[in-house]
Amino acid sequence: MKTLTNVVMILLIGVGLGLAIRSFRPARFGGPGPDETVFTNDGPAATDPNEIENATPTKPPEDEEWLSRFELTERSGKTIKSEDLAGHPYVVSFFFSTCPSICVQQNQIIKELQDEFEGQGVRFVAISVDPENDTPEKLREYAARFGADEEQWLFMTGDLTYIRRIGAEIFRQPVNKQFHTERFVLVDPKGEIEGFYNWPEKRQLAAMKEQIREMMKDQDS
């Protein structure tokens, strides 16, 4: 009887965890929720709040201020600064090239966005969370798979610790090696974050597109 009770308890715990993973959807605005869904090389995983907190800097290193700008190496080998992106809206995402599933889907969505906003000044900034593997050469090969325009869709790499700080301190996203969320971060032409959009949600993706169009209208007026 005791053995049967233990089995039932284990099954109930497993079902509960499964429902928690499937039902979670991050909010559009604000930083990642305490139980944010993240993605690793093995696919989606529900992450404990303490694990996320430990995986992301909660304060800058001693004697350093919070980052307000960044510069990373683009697949072309050029250094791109956040100031270089000013004047037009841009969408930030995090990924890694060896991700077998979610990153591929994410970048297919960006490919569609690139085509939809072609020639309109909108840019897409994909930042690797596996920079040790994602060298500029590797990123050039990866970008070619999606027909990424060299001017419109940037693929960035750099030091992992620095990228973790960029994610946490600038874009409010928990990132670590091969660890990222399913959110796009929309930045306005002034360099301010407009909102966070969960790209698998069609309504959120549509809302982001509308915000981009409104930004473009404001620029033209």
Protein backbone atom coordinates (compact mmCIF):
# COMPACT_ATOMS: atom_id res chain seq x y z
CA MET A 1 0.00 0.00 0.00
CA LYS A 2 2.82 2.36 0.89
CA THR A 3 4.53 1.68 -2.44
CA LEU A 4 1.31 2.43 -4.36
CA THR A 5 0.88 5.72 -2.47
CA ASN A 6 4.43 6.78 -3.38
CA VAL A 7 3.82 5.98 -7.04
CA VAL A 8 0.62 8.07 -7.08
CA MET A 9 2.40 11.01 -5.45
CA ILE A 10 5.21 10.88 -8.04
CA LEU A 11 2.69 10.82 -10.90
CA LEU A 12 0.77 13.78 -9.45
CA ILE A 13 3.98 15.80 -9.10
CA GLY A 14 4.94 15.00 -12.70
CA VAL A 15 1.52 16.08 -14.02
CA GLY A 16 1.68 19.29 -12.02
CA LEU A 17 5.09 20.19 -13.40
CA GLY A 18 3.94 19.43 -16.94
CA LEU A 19 0.92 21.72 -16.63
CA ALA A 20 3.06 24.50 -15.18
CA ILE A 21 5.45 24.34 -18.14
CA ARG A 22 2.72 24.30 -20.78
CA SER A 23 0.46 26.95 -19.27
CA PHE A 24 3.12 29.60 -18.69
CA ARG A 25 3.18 32.58 -21.02
CA PRO A 26 5.32 35.64 -20.29
CA ALA A 27 3.65 39.06 -20.14
CA ARG A 28 4.17 41.51 -22.95
CA PHE A 29 5.62 44.34 -20.88
CA GLY A 30 8.12 44.35 -18.04
CA GLY A 31 11.07 42.08 -17.44
CA PRO A 32 10.89 38.28 -17.54
CA GLY A 33 8.53 36.70 -15.03
CA PRO A 34 9.91 34.74 -12.08
CA ASP A 35 9.16 31.43 -13.79
CA GLU A 36 10.13 32.50 -17.33
CA THR A 37 10.31 29.75 -19.92
CA VAL A 38 13.82 29.47 -21.28
CA PHE A 39 15.42 27.41 -24.01
CA THR A 40 18.57 25.34 -24.03
CA ASN A 41 20.14 23.00 -26.54
CA ASP A 42 17.72 20.33 -25.33
CA GLY A 43 14.62 22.47 -25.97
CA PRO A 44 12.21 24.22 -23.54
CA ALA A 45 12.67 23.84 -19.83
CA ALA A 46 10.79 25.27 -16.88
CA THR A 47 13.38 27.08 -14.81
CA ASP A 48 13.22 27.64 -11.08
CA PRO A 49 13.23 31.36 -10.11
CA ASN A 50 16.41 30.88 -8.12
CA GLU A 51 18.15 29.30 -11.12
CA ILE A 52 17.21 32.26 -13.33
CA GLU A 53 18.41 34.70 -10.70
CA ASN A 54 21.70 32.86 -10.42
CA ALA A 55 22.09 32.65 -14.20
CA THR A 56 21.69 36.40 -14.69
CA PRO A 57 23.69 39.24 -13.12
CA THR A 58 21.55 40.99 -10.52
CA LYS A 59 24.01 43.86 -10.20
CA PRO A 60 27.03 45.04 -12.16
CA PRO A 61 30.52 44.00 -11.11
CA GLU A 62 32.03 45.95 -8.23
CA ASP A 63 32.90 49.56 -9.08
CA GLU A 64 30.97 49.36 -12.37
CA GLU A 65 27.67 51.01 -13.31
CA TRP A 66 24.75 49.36 -15.05
CA LEU A 67 25.27 49.11 -18.78
CA SER A 68 23.35 51.67 -20.83
CA ARG A 69 25.05 50.97 -24.15
CA PHE A 70 26.79 48.05 -25.82
CA GLU A 71 29.16 47.11 -28.61
CA LEU A 72 29.56 43.66 -30.12
CA THR A 73 31.21 42.00 -33.08
CA GLU A 74 28.96 41.47 -36.09
CA ARG A 75 29.33 38.47 -38.42
CA SER A 76 31.15 40.74 -40.85
CA GLY A 77 33.87 41.21 -38.24
CA LYS A 78 32.91 44.86 -37.70
CA THR A 79 32.22 46.29 -34.27
CA ILE A 80 28.64 47.50 -33.98
CA LYS A 81 27.71 49.93 -31.21
CA SER A 82 24.24 50.60 -29.86
CA GLU A 83 24.67 54.17 -31.08
CA ASP A 84 24.94 52.81 -34.63
CA LEU A 85 21.37 51.52 -34.32
CA ALA A 86 19.85 54.83 -33.25
CA GLY A 87 17.37 56.60 -35.51
CA HIS A 88 15.28 53.57 -36.44
CA PRO A 89 13.42 50.89 -34.48
CA TYR A 90 15.13 47.55 -34.01
CA VAL A 91 14.19 44.15 -32.63
CA VAL A 92 16.58 42.27 -30.33
CA SER A 93 16.60 38.49 -29.96
CA PHE A 94 18.94 35.96 -28.34
CA PHE A 95 19.86 32.65 -29.94
CA PHE A 96 22.69 30.18 -30.60
CA SER A 97 23.54 28.53 -33.88
CA THR A 98 23.61 24.92 -32.63
CA CYS A 99 20.10 25.14 -31.19
CA PRO A 100 18.21 22.44 -33.11
CA SER A 101 14.64 23.67 -32.76
CA ILE A 102 13.40 26.84 -31.09
CA CYS A 103 16.11 29.13 -32.49
CA VAL A 104 15.39 27.90 -36.00
CA GLN A 105 11.70 28.71 -35.59
CA GLN A 106 12.54 32.07 -34.06
CA ASN A 107 14.84 33.02 -36.92
CA GLN A 108 12.29 31.91 -39.48
CA ILE A 109 9.93 34.43 -37.90
CA ILE A 110 12.60 37.11 -38.15
CA LYS A 111 13.13 36.19 -41.80
CA GLU A 112 9.43 36.86 -42.39
CA LEU A 113 9.71 40.18 -40.54
CA GLN A 114 12.77 41.11 -42.58
CA ASP A 115 10.86 40.49 -45.80
CA GLU A 116 7.80 42.37 -44.57
CA PHE A 117 9.78 45.46 -43.52
CA GLU A 118 12.35 45.35 -46.30
CA GLY A 119 13.79 48.75 -47.13
CA GLN A 120 11.93 50.50 -44.30
CA GLY A 121 14.86 51.03 -41.94
CA VAL A 122 13.82 48.47 -39.33
CA ARG A 123 16.71 46.32 -38.14
CA PHE A 124 16.96 42.99 -36.38
CA VAL A 125 19.72 42.30 -33.87
CA ALA A 126 20.37 38.63 -33.07
CA ILE A 127 22.81 38.16 -30.18
CA SER A 128 24.47 34.78 -29.66
CA VAL A 129 24.41 33.21 -26.20
CA ASP A 130 27.10 30.73 -27.24
CA PRO A 131 29.85 33.10 -28.41
CA GLU A 132 32.64 30.58 -27.88
CA ASN A 133 31.17 28.53 -30.71
CA ASP A 134 29.48 31.33 -32.65
CA THR A 135 32.46 33.05 -34.21
CA PRO A 136 31.89 35.63 -36.98
CA GLU A 137 32.70 32.94 -39.56
CA LYS A 138 30.15 30.54 -38.02
CA LEU A 139 27.56 33.30 -37.87
CA ARG A 140 28.08 34.16 -41.54
CA GLU A 141 27.30 30.57 -42.45
CA TYR A 142 24.29 30.51 -40.13
CA ALA A 143 22.90 33.83 -41.38
CA ALA A 144 23.12 32.61 -44.96
CA ARG A 145 20.68 29.82 -44.12
CA PHE A 146 17.99 32.43 -43.55
CA GLY A 147 18.89 34.81 -46.33
CA ALA A 148 19.72 37.48 -43.76
CA ASP A 149 20.35 40.88 -45.27
CA GLU A 150 23.75 42.15 -44.11
CA GLU A 151 22.47 45.64 -43.39
CA GLN A 152 19.04 44.84 -41.98
CA TRP A 153 19.64 41.69 -39.92
CA LEU A 154 22.73 41.71 -37.72
CA PHE A 155 24.23 38.65 -36.01
CA MET A 156 26.33 39.60 -33.00
CA THR A 157 28.88 37.84 -30.83
CA GLY A 158 31.31 38.77 -28.07
CA ASP A 159 32.36 37.83 -24.54
CA LEU A 160 29.76 35.68 -22.74
CA THR A 161 29.96 37.59 -19.44
CA TYR A 162 29.45 40.85 -21.31
CA ILE A 163 26.51 39.39 -23.25
CA ARG A 164 24.94 38.24 -19.98
CA ARG A 165 25.21 41.80 -18.73
CA ILE A 166 23.72 43.19 -21.96
CA GLY A 167 20.80 40.81 -21.60
CA ALA A 168 20.15 41.57 -17.94
CA GLU A 169 21.08 45.23 -17.59
CA ILE A 170 19.92 46.63 -20.93
CA PHE A 171 17.26 44.29 -22.28
CA ARG A 172 16.01 42.72 -19.01
CA GLN A 173 16.35 39.21 -20.34
CA PRO A 174 17.86 36.25 -18.45
CA VAL A 175 20.56 34.84 -20.70
CA ASN A 176 23.48 32.52 -20.19
CA LYS A 177 25.42 30.03 -22.29
CA GLN A 178 22.87 28.30 -24.57
CA PHE A 179 20.12 29.79 -22.41
CA HIS A 180 17.56 32.38 -23.52
CA THR A 181 13.87 33.32 -23.54
CA GLU A 182 11.35 33.28 -26.39
CA ARG A 183 10.91 37.05 -26.39
CA PHE A 184 11.61 39.80 -28.87
CA VAL A 185 12.59 43.17 -27.42
CA LEU A 186 11.37 46.13 -29.48
CA VAL A 187 13.54 49.23 -29.18
CA ASP A 188 12.31 52.59 -30.49
CA PRO A 189 14.35 55.03 -32.64
CA LYS A 190 15.53 56.83 -29.48
CA GLY A 191 17.02 53.64 -28.09
CA GLU A 192 14.30 53.12 -25.48
CA ILE A 193 12.63 49.75 -24.94
CA GLU A 194 9.03 49.92 -26.16
CA GLY A 195 7.97 46.42 -25.11
CA PHE A 196 8.58 42.70 -24.90
CA TYR A 197 6.79 40.30 -27.23
CA ASN A 198 6.44 36.54 -26.93
CA TRP A 199 6.91 35.61 -30.58
CA PRO A 200 5.07 32.24 -30.55
CA GLU A 201 1.91 34.15 -29.60
CA LYS A 202 0.35 35.40 -32.85
CA ARG A 203 -1.44 38.31 -31.18
CA GLN A 204 1.75 39.55 -29.55
CA LEU A 205 3.67 39.25 -32.81
CA ALA A 206 0.92 41.18 -34.62
CA ALA A 207 1.00 43.84 -31.90
CA MET A 208 4.75 44.24 -32.32
CA LYS A 209 4.37 44.70 -36.06
CA GLU A 210 1.75 47.38 -35.47
CA GLN A 211 4.04 49.19 -33.04
CA ILE A 212 6.83 49.13 -35.63
CA ARG A 213 4.48 50.61 -38.25
CA GLU A 214 3.45 53.36 -35.83
CA MET A 215 7.09 54.19 -35.17
CA MET A 216 7.74 54.41 -38.88
CA LYS A 217 4.73 56.73 -39.34
CA ASP A 218 6.02 59.00 -36.59
CA GLN A 219 9.36 59.20 -38.32
CA ASP A 220 7.79 60.12 -41.64
CA SER A 221 5.52 62.81 -40.16
